[in-house]
Amino acid sequence: MMFSVVVVTIGDASGQFEEGMLTVFYRACHIVYICWRRFKKLMCSRFRDVMVSSRSVLLCVRSIHTSCRMNKRGPLTIDGWYPRDHMPDDYPKNEEERRAAAIKYGMRLEDYKPYDKDDCYKYAGNYPDYGCVTYDHKDPYENWSDPHYRRNWGEGVSYIRHGCLQILFTEILFTIFLWTNTVIFCRHLIPALIFCWIGIQTWPKGRKWKNDIMLKQYPYDIKRAYPFTDPRIYPITNYTFEPGDQ
């Protein structure tokens, strides 16, 4: 980046002095403008280089995951990775698309059934409707890949499992009313209420939770003087050293 040094000979006349100052000002503005354009061009070129390099890195990473030379697809070899192959597509329009969707999700054609397109709550393209097969419906003695949830590796899940609310289909424990639950609740609630009642009682011969003290003493009756009167007009005699009346 080249910078020019401008030397202006200022004469004694005022006209030459003003002309020289204007020339210096104009040339300085021109130099600043040129510097700004070169800096902007440099930054833009560097930004483009960074974006191109970032895109190249992303393409390389994706090619590694989808390369046939890796012997296996990348996402399928990582536990917990949502496979790219299982992303839902459009709703199947003919028998060929239904067959391709069934093969995609590892199901038989007669068992494959996508969600209804008119169901605005569950519709998810060609994602299959696995039905209401929950934890309670599965065999507890089966050798599951994940015994905690009774699931096997690669097993599809219902779309409703992706929701954030707890939905139970058996409802056995929630439809039968048990008096034992009420008894257990009262066994904890009633003693707590009794202790709270004892703690707030203030009978004279009861247990005292604080020492007895007198009211705080003030030399003047501030309440009578409030808000604009001088409190010294209303003195209060709490005690005195004068002898009492005989």
C-alpha atoms as a PDB file:
ATOM      1  CA  MET A   1       0.000   0.000   0.000  1.00  0.00           C
ATOM      2  CA  MET A   2       1.573   3.240  -1.183  1.00  0.00           C
ATOM      3  CA  PHE A   3       1.080   6.571   0.514  1.00  0.00           C
ATOM      4  CA  SER A   4       1.963   9.904  -1.085  1.00  0.00           C
ATOM      5  CA  VAL A   5       3.524  12.711   0.862  1.00  0.00           C
ATOM      6  CA  VAL A   6       2.175  16.059  -0.196  1.00  0.00           C
ATOM      7  CA  VAL A   7       4.351  19.105   0.388  1.00  0.00           C
ATOM      8  CA  VAL A   8       2.737  22.442  -0.199  1.00  0.00           C
ATOM      9  CA  THR A   9       4.669  25.667  -0.192  1.00  0.00           C
ATOM     10  CA  ILE A  10       2.618  28.258   1.571  1.00  0.00           C
ATOM     11  CA  GLY A  11       3.197  31.765   0.389  1.00  0.00           C
ATOM     12  CA  ASP A  12       2.815  34.937   2.236  1.00  0.00           C
ATOM     13  CA  ALA A  13      -0.402  35.885   0.489  1.00  0.00           C
ATOM     14  CA  SER A  14      -3.627  34.822   2.152  1.00  0.00           C
ATOM     15  CA  GLY A  15      -5.099  33.529  -1.132  1.00  0.00           C
ATOM     16  CA  GLN A  16      -2.196  31.168  -1.697  1.00  0.00           C
ATOM     17  CA  PHE A  17      -2.454  29.999   1.916  1.00  0.00           C
ATOM     18  CA  GLU A  18      -6.154  29.142   1.607  1.00  0.00           C
ATOM     19  CA  GLU A  19      -5.601  27.410  -1.731  1.00  0.00           C
ATOM     20  CA  GLY A  20      -2.798  25.309  -0.283  1.00  0.00           C
ATOM     21  CA  MET A  21      -4.905  24.266   2.721  1.00  0.00           C
ATOM     22  CA  LEU A  22      -7.795  23.220   0.489  1.00  0.00           C
ATOM     23  CA  THR A  23      -5.416  21.191  -1.684  1.00  0.00           C
ATOM     24  CA  VAL A  24      -4.025  19.403   1.371  1.00  0.00           C
ATOM     25  CA  PHE A  25      -7.529  18.680   2.657  1.00  0.00           C
ATOM     26  CA  TYR A  26      -8.777  17.307  -0.682  1.00  0.00           C
ATOM     27  CA  ARG A  27      -5.726  15.089  -1.164  1.00  0.00           C
ATOM     28  CA  ALA A  28      -5.973  13.793   2.409  1.00  0.00           C
ATOM     29  CA  CYS A  29      -9.624  12.867   1.869  1.00  0.00           C
ATOM     30  CA  HIS A  30      -8.690  11.134  -1.396  1.00  0.00           C
ATOM     31  CA  ILE A  31      -5.962   9.109   0.339  1.00  0.00           C
ATOM     32  CA  VAL A  32      -8.351   8.065   3.140  1.00  0.00           C
ATOM     33  CA  TYR A  33     -10.965   6.990   0.579  1.00  0.00           C
ATOM     34  CA  ILE A  34      -8.426   4.904  -1.365  1.00  0.00           C
ATOM     35  CA  CYS A  35      -7.202   3.262   1.843  1.00  0.00           C
ATOM     36  CA  TRP A  36     -10.756   2.426   2.889  1.00  0.00           C
ATOM     37  CA  ARG A  37     -11.563   0.849  -0.499  1.00  0.00           C
ATOM     38  CA  ARG A  38      -8.413  -1.287  -0.415  1.00  0.00           C
ATOM     39  CA  PHE A  39      -9.117  -2.373   3.165  1.00  0.00           C
ATOM     40  CA  LYS A  40     -12.706  -3.274   2.304  1.00  0.00           C
ATOM     41  CA  LYS A  41     -11.613  -5.248  -0.757  1.00  0.00           C
ATOM     42  CA  LEU A  42      -9.002  -7.101   1.295  1.00  0.00           C
ATOM     43  CA  MET A  43     -11.506  -8.014   4.021  1.00  0.00           C
ATOM     44  CA  CYS A  44     -14.102  -9.177   1.490  1.00  0.00           C
ATOM     45  CA  SER A  45     -11.585 -11.410  -0.256  1.00  0.00           C
ATOM     46  CA  ARG A  46     -10.487 -12.915   3.048  1.00  0.00           C
ATOM     47  CA  PHE A  47     -14.120 -13.509   4.057  1.00  0.00           C
ATOM     48  CA  ARG A  48     -14.763 -15.321   0.780  1.00  0.00           C
ATOM     49  CA  ASP A  49     -11.672 -17.452   1.308  1.00  0.00           C
ATOM     50  CA  VAL A  50     -12.832 -18.381   4.803  1.00  0.00           C
ATOM     51  CA  MET A  51     -16.314 -19.316   3.567  1.00  0.00           C
ATOM     52  CA  VAL A  52     -14.900 -21.420   0.738  1.00  0.00           C
ATOM     53  CA  SER A  53     -12.542 -23.244   3.105  1.00  0.00           C
ATOM     54  CA  SER A  54     -15.375 -23.872   5.602  1.00  0.00           C
ATOM     55  CA  ARG A  55     -17.577 -25.284   2.846  1.00  0.00           C
ATOM     56  CA  SER A  56     -14.732 -27.526   1.703  1.00  0.00           C
ATOM     57  CA  VAL A  57     -14.287 -28.869   5.240  1.00  0.00           C
ATOM     58  CA  LEU A  58     -18.006 -29.629   5.530  1.00  0.00           C
ATOM     59  CA  LEU A  59     -18.036 -31.423   2.188  1.00  0.00           C
ATOM     60  CA  CYS A  60     -15.008 -33.488   3.204  1.00  0.00           C
ATOM     61  CA  VAL A  61     -16.621 -34.501   6.503  1.00  0.00           C
ATOM     62  CA  ARG A  62     -19.849 -35.447   4.751  1.00  0.00           C
ATOM     63  CA  SER A  63     -17.973 -37.461   2.134  1.00  0.00           C
ATOM     64  CA  ILE A  64     -16.235 -39.390   4.910  1.00  0.00           C
ATOM     65  CA  HIS A  65     -19.581 -40.261   6.514  1.00  0.00           C
ATOM     66  CA  THR A  66     -21.077 -41.378   3.199  1.00  0.00           C
ATOM     67  CA  SER A  67     -17.995 -42.976   1.674  1.00  0.00           C
ATOM     68  CA  CYS A  68     -18.249 -46.588   0.577  1.00  0.00           C
ATOM     69  CA  ARG A  69     -14.549 -47.024   1.355  1.00  0.00           C
ATOM     70  CA  MET A  70     -15.272 -46.761   5.077  1.00  0.00           C
ATOM     71  CA  ASN A  71     -17.045 -50.163   4.824  1.00  0.00           C
ATOM     72  CA  LYS A  72     -19.941 -48.739   6.887  1.00  0.00           C
ATOM     73  CA  ARG A  73     -21.915 -45.544   6.858  1.00  0.00           C
ATOM     74  CA  GLY A  74     -20.639 -43.105   9.447  1.00  0.00           C
ATOM     75  CA  PRO A  75     -23.892 -42.279  11.254  1.00  0.00           C
ATOM     76  CA  LEU A  76     -24.847 -45.935  11.645  1.00  0.00           C
ATOM     77  CA  THR A  77     -21.587 -46.737  13.421  1.00  0.00           C
ATOM     78  CA  ILE A  78     -22.059 -44.092  16.122  1.00  0.00           C
ATOM     79  CA  ASP A  79     -24.342 -44.973  19.021  1.00  0.00           C
ATOM     80  CA  GLY A  80     -27.026 -42.337  19.465  1.00  0.00           C
ATOM     81  CA  TRP A  81     -26.581 -40.668  16.066  1.00  0.00           C
ATOM     82  CA  TYR A  82     -29.879 -40.051  14.259  1.00  0.00           C
ATOM     83  CA  PRO A  83     -29.246 -41.749  10.881  1.00  0.00           C
ATOM     84  CA  ARG A  84     -29.596 -39.619   7.802  1.00  0.00           C
ATOM     85  CA  ASP A  85     -31.306 -42.518   6.033  1.00  0.00           C
ATOM     86  CA  HIS A  86     -34.218 -42.512   8.482  1.00  0.00           C
ATOM     87  CA  MET A  87     -35.274 -38.903   7.932  1.00  0.00           C
ATOM     88  CA  PRO A  88     -38.939 -38.876   6.824  1.00  0.00           C
ATOM     89  CA  ASP A  89     -39.690 -38.161   3.173  1.00  0.00           C
ATOM     90  CA  ASP A  90     -42.905 -37.154   1.457  1.00  0.00           C
ATOM     91  CA  TYR A  91     -46.091 -39.134   1.873  1.00  0.00           C
ATOM     92  CA  PRO A  92     -46.080 -42.188  -0.471  1.00  0.00           C
ATOM     93  CA  LYS A  93     -48.315 -41.648  -3.484  1.00  0.00           C
ATOM     94  CA  ASN A  94     -48.178 -45.094  -5.105  1.00  0.00           C
ATOM     95  CA  GLU A  95     -47.302 -48.691  -4.371  1.00  0.00           C
ATOM     96  CA  GLU A  96     -43.651 -48.309  -5.383  1.00  0.00           C
ATOM     97  CA  GLU A  97     -43.117 -45.472  -2.921  1.00  0.00           C
ATOM     98  CA  ARG A  98     -44.861 -47.453  -0.173  1.00  0.00           C
ATOM     99  CA  ARG A  99     -42.583 -50.422  -0.836  1.00  0.00           C
ATOM    100  CA  ALA A 100     -39.482 -48.195  -0.785  1.00  0.00           C
ATOM    101  CA  ALA A 101     -40.594 -46.587   2.487  1.00  0.00           C
ATOM    102  CA  ALA A 102     -41.233 -49.995   4.072  1.00  0.00           C
ATOM    103  CA  ILE A 103     -37.751 -51.172   3.091  1.00  0.00           C
ATOM    104  CA  LYS A 104     -36.285 -47.915   4.356  1.00  0.00           C
ATOM    105  CA  TYR A 105     -37.712 -48.410   7.841  1.00  0.00           C
ATOM    106  CA  GLY A 106     -37.087 -52.161   7.961  1.00  0.00           C
ATOM    107  CA  MET A 107     -40.741 -53.217   7.840  1.00  0.00           C
ATOM    108  CA  ARG A 108     -42.830 -55.590   5.782  1.00  0.00           C
ATOM    109  CA  LEU A 109     -45.068 -54.030   3.184  1.00  0.00           C
ATOM    110  CA  GLU A 110     -48.237 -55.384   4.808  1.00  0.00           C
ATOM    111  CA  ASP A 111     -47.166 -53.938   8.190  1.00  0.00           C
ATOM    112  CA  TYR A 112     -46.193 -50.526   6.880  1.00  0.00           C
ATOM    113  CA  LYS A 113     -48.776 -47.820   7.509  1.00  0.00           C
ATOM    114  CA  PRO A 114     -47.921 -44.104   7.500  1.00  0.00           C
ATOM    115  CA  TYR A 115     -49.754 -41.516   9.540  1.00  0.00           C
ATOM    116  CA  ASP A 116     -52.833 -39.928   8.040  1.00  0.00           C
ATOM    117  CA  LYS A 117     -52.154 -36.771   6.066  1.00  0.00           C
ATOM    118  CA  ASP A 118     -55.144 -35.057   7.677  1.00  0.00           C
ATOM    119  CA  ASP A 119     -53.769 -35.604  11.187  1.00  0.00           C
ATOM    120  CA  CYS A 120     -52.141 -32.247  11.862  1.00  0.00           C
ATOM    121  CA  TYR A 121     -50.713 -33.500  15.157  1.00  0.00           C
ATOM    122  CA  LYS A 122     -48.951 -36.714  14.104  1.00  0.00           C
ATOM    123  CA  TYR A 123     -48.427 -36.378  10.357  1.00  0.00           C
ATOM    124  CA  ALA A 124     -44.729 -36.807   9.540  1.00  0.00           C
ATOM    125  CA  GLY A 125     -44.419 -37.661   5.860  1.00  0.00           C
ATOM    126  CA  ASN A 126     -43.774 -41.343   5.220  1.00  0.00           C
ATOM    127  CA  TYR A 127     -42.800 -42.081   8.845  1.00  0.00           C
ATOM    128  CA  PRO A 128     -44.551 -45.340   9.808  1.00  0.00           C
ATOM    129  CA  ASP A 129     -47.229 -45.690  12.454  1.00  0.00           C
ATOM    130  CA  TYR A 130     -45.877 -48.392  14.785  1.00  0.00           C
ATOM    131  CA  GLY A 131     -48.983 -48.413  16.955  1.00  0.00           C
ATOM    132  CA  CYS A 132     -49.300 -48.229  20.737  1.00  0.00           C
ATOM    133  CA  VAL A 133     -46.532 -50.652  21.737  1.00  0.00           C
ATOM    134  CA  THR A 134     -45.137 -49.304  24.993  1.00  0.00           C
ATOM    135  CA  TYR A 135     -42.919 -50.506  27.805  1.00  0.00           C
ATOM    136  CA  ASP A 136     -45.789 -52.229  29.618  1.00  0.00           C
ATOM    137  CA  HIS A 137     -46.846 -54.117  26.500  1.00  0.00           C
ATOM    138  CA  LYS A 138     -43.461 -55.772  25.941  1.00  0.00           C
ATOM    139  CA  ASP A 139     -42.172 -59.027  27.390  1.00  0.00           C
ATOM    140  CA  PRO A 140     -40.065 -58.341  30.512  1.00  0.00           C
ATOM    141  CA  TYR A 141     -38.138 -61.621  30.052  1.00  0.00           C
ATOM    142  CA  GLU A 142     -36.971 -60.863  26.514  1.00  0.00           C
ATOM    143  CA  ASN A 143     -33.252 -60.329  25.927  1.00  0.00           C
ATOM    144  CA  TRP A 144     -33.485 -56.664  24.928  1.00  0.00           C
ATOM    145  CA  SER A 145     -30.552 -54.622  23.705  1.00  0.00           C
ATOM    146  CA  ASP A 146     -31.662 -51.896  26.122  1.00  0.00           C
ATOM    147  CA  PRO A 147     -33.441 -53.616  29.042  1.00  0.00           C
ATOM    148  CA  HIS A 148     -34.154 -50.308  30.747  1.00  0.00           C
ATOM    149  CA  TYR A 149     -36.518 -49.252  27.955  1.00  0.00           C
ATOM    150  CA  ARG A 150     -37.116 -52.763  26.511  1.00  0.00           C
ATOM    151  CA  ARG A 151     -35.845 -51.817  23.075  1.00  0.00           C
ATOM    152  CA  ASN A 152     -33.583 -53.446  20.517  1.00  0.00           C
ATOM    153  CA  TRP A 153     -30.952 -51.717  18.439  1.00  0.00           C
ATOM    154  CA  GLY A 154     -32.454 -50.155  15.324  1.00  0.00           C
ATOM    155  CA  GLU A 155     -36.021 -50.626  16.534  1.00  0.00           C
ATOM    156  CA  GLY A 156     -38.366 -47.920  15.352  1.00  0.00           C
ATOM    157  CA  VAL A 157     -40.330 -45.867  17.819  1.00  0.00           C
ATOM    158  CA  SER A 158     -43.714 -44.258  17.579  1.00  0.00           C
ATOM    159  CA  TYR A 159     -43.888 -40.614  16.628  1.00  0.00           C
ATOM    160  CA  ILE A 160     -45.565 -39.866  19.945  1.00  0.00           C
ATOM    161  CA  ARG A 161     -42.349 -40.902  21.743  1.00  0.00           C
ATOM    162  CA  HIS A 162     -40.762 -37.707  20.496  1.00  0.00           C
ATOM    163  CA  GLY A 163     -43.228 -35.629  22.524  1.00  0.00           C
ATOM    164  CA  CYS A 164     -42.296 -34.019  25.832  1.00  0.00           C
ATOM    165  CA  LEU A 165     -45.395 -35.219  27.743  1.00  0.00           C
ATOM    166  CA  GLN A 166     -45.872 -38.537  29.499  1.00  0.00           C
ATOM    167  CA  ILE A 167     -48.552 -40.579  27.741  1.00  0.00           C
ATOM    168  CA  LEU A 168     -49.610 -43.912  29.236  1.00  0.00           C
ATOM    169  CA  PHE A 169     -51.745 -46.391  27.315  1.00  0.00           C
ATOM    170  CA  THR A 170     -52.331 -49.016  30.027  1.00  0.00           C
ATOM    171  CA  GLU A 171     -53.329 -46.594  32.822  1.00  0.00           C
ATOM    172  CA  ILE A 172     -53.724 -49.494  35.236  1.00  0.00           C
ATOM    173  CA  LEU A 173     -52.022 -47.781  38.158  1.00  0.00           C
ATOM    174  CA  PHE A 174     -53.922 -44.537  37.601  1.00  0.00           C
ATOM    175  CA  THR A 175     -57.497 -45.806  37.149  1.00  0.00           C
ATOM    176  CA  ILE A 176     -57.693 -47.942  40.318  1.00  0.00           C
ATOM    177  CA  PHE A 177     -58.272 -45.894  43.477  1.00  0.00           C
ATOM    178  CA  LEU A 178     -56.429 -47.246  46.528  1.00  0.00           C
ATOM    179  CA  TRP A 179     -57.282 -46.180  50.082  1.00  0.00           C
ATOM    180  CA  THR A 180     -53.776 -47.101  51.179  1.00  0.00           C
ATOM    181  CA  ASN A 181     -52.436 -44.088  49.271  1.00  0.00           C
ATOM    182  CA  THR A 182     -54.808 -41.815  51.187  1.00  0.00           C
ATOM    183  CA  VAL A 183     -53.774 -43.372  54.509  1.00  0.00           C
ATOM    184  CA  ILE A 184     -50.085 -42.872  53.746  1.00  0.00           C
ATOM    185  CA  PHE A 185     -50.746 -39.253  52.787  1.00  0.00           C
ATOM    186  CA  CYS A 186     -52.650 -38.582  56.036  1.00  0.00           C
ATOM    187  CA  ARG A 187     -49.915 -40.243  58.119  1.00  0.00           C
ATOM    188  CA  HIS A 188     -47.531 -37.535  56.931  1.00  0.00           C
ATOM    189  CA  LEU A 189     -49.910 -34.590  56.781  1.00  0.00           C
ATOM    190  CA  ILE A 190     -51.673 -34.857  60.171  1.00  0.00           C
ATOM    191  CA  PRO A 191     -48.485 -34.979  62.344  1.00  0.00           C
ATOM    192  CA  ALA A 192     -47.086 -32.008  60.431  1.00  0.00           C
ATOM    193  CA  LEU A 193     -50.263 -30.003  61.098  1.00  0.00           C
ATOM    194  CA  ILE A 194     -50.177 -30.932  64.810  1.00  0.00           C
ATOM    195  CA  PHE A 195     -46.583 -29.748  65.219  1.00  0.00           C
ATOM    196  CA  CYS A 196     -47.400 -26.504  63.408  1.00  0.00           C
ATOM    197  CA  TRP A 197     -50.389 -25.912  65.709  1.00  0.00           C
ATOM    198  CA  ILE A 198     -48.270 -26.509  68.826  1.00  0.00           C
ATOM    199  CA  GLY A 199     -45.615 -24.144  67.578  1.00  0.00           C
ATOM    200  CA  ILE A 200     -47.989 -21.189  67.178  1.00  0.00           C
ATOM    201  CA  GLN A 201     -49.708 -21.535  70.573  1.00  0.00           C
ATOM    202  CA  THR A 202     -49.002 -18.837  73.234  1.00  0.00           C
ATOM    203  CA  TRP A 203     -50.770 -20.067  76.392  1.00  0.00           C
ATOM    204  CA  PRO A 204     -49.109 -18.881  79.645  1.00  0.00           C
ATOM    205  CA  LYS A 205     -48.013 -22.280  80.977  1.00  0.00           C
ATOM    206  CA  GLY A 206     -47.042 -23.688  77.646  1.00  0.00           C
ATOM    207  CA  ARG A 207     -43.586 -24.006  76.175  1.00  0.00           C
ATOM    208  CA  LYS A 208     -42.161 -20.566  75.471  1.00  0.00           C
ATOM    209  CA  TRP A 209     -40.318 -20.026  72.231  1.00  0.00           C
ATOM    210  CA  LYS A 210     -38.930 -16.605  73.212  1.00  0.00           C
ATOM    211  CA  ASN A 211     -38.141 -14.587  76.365  1.00  0.00           C
ATOM    212  CA  ASP A 212     -40.676 -12.154  77.768  1.00  0.00           C
ATOM    213  CA  ILE A 213     -39.677  -8.547  77.273  1.00  0.00           C
ATOM    214  CA  MET A 214     -41.361  -5.223  77.881  1.00  0.00           C
ATOM    215  CA  LEU A 215     -42.316  -2.803  75.212  1.00  0.00           C
ATOM    216  CA  LYS A 216     -39.594  -0.537  73.932  1.00  0.00           C
ATOM    217  CA  GLN A 217     -39.465   2.739  75.871  1.00  0.00           C
ATOM    218  CA  TYR A 218     -39.205   6.165  74.225  1.00  0.00           C
ATOM    219  CA  PRO A 219     -38.641   9.559  75.934  1.00  0.00           C
ATOM    220  CA  TYR A 220     -41.231  11.298  73.748  1.00  0.00           C
ATOM    221  CA  ASP A 221     -44.588  10.397  72.305  1.00  0.00           C
ATOM    222  CA  ILE A 222     -43.693  10.402  68.640  1.00  0.00           C
ATOM    223  CA  LYS A 223     -47.074   9.137  67.502  1.00  0.00           C
ATOM    224  CA  ARG A 224     -48.880  12.129  69.001  1.00  0.00           C
ATOM    225  CA  ALA A 225     -46.389  14.556  67.477  1.00  0.00           C
ATOM    226  CA  TYR A 226     -46.511  12.955  64.003  1.00  0.00           C
ATOM    227  CA  PRO A 227     -46.172  14.390  61.415  1.00  0.00           C
ATOM    228  CA  PHE A 228     -45.307  18.067  61.959  1.00  0.00           C
ATOM    229  CA  THR A 229     -45.338  18.656  65.748  1.00  0.00           C
ATOM    230  CA  ASP A 230     -42.237  18.710  67.913  1.00  0.00           C
ATOM    231  CA  PRO A 231     -42.123  15.430  69.913  1.00  0.00           C
ATOM    232  CA  ARG A 232     -40.552  17.209  72.902  1.00  0.00           C
ATOM    233  CA  ILE A 233     -43.932  18.747  73.618  1.00  0.00           C
ATOM    234  CA  TYR A 234     -45.228  15.300  74.581  1.00  0.00           C
ATOM    235  CA  PRO A 235     -42.695  13.784  77.015  1.00  0.00           C
ATOM    236  CA  ILE A 236     -43.210  10.297  78.396  1.00  0.00           C
ATOM    237  CA  THR A 237     -42.176   9.431  81.973  1.00  0.00           C
ATOM    238  CA  ASN A 238     -41.134   5.812  81.889  1.00  0.00           C
ATOM    239  CA  TYR A 239     -39.280   5.934  85.220  1.00  0.00           C
ATOM    240  CA  THR A 240     -37.871   8.639  87.553  1.00  0.00           C
ATOM    241  CA  PHE A 241     -35.320   8.974  90.297  1.00  0.00           C
ATOM    242  CA  GLU A 242     -37.523  11.316  92.298  1.00  0.00           C
ATOM    243  CA  PRO A 243     -38.968   9.873  95.504  1.00  0.00           C
ATOM    244  CA  GLY A 244     -42.508   8.768  95.180  1.00  0.00           C
ATOM    245  CA  ASP A 245     -45.428  10.222  97.072  1.00  0.00           C
ATOM    246  CA  GLN A 246     -45.448   9.195 100.726  1.00  0.00           C
END
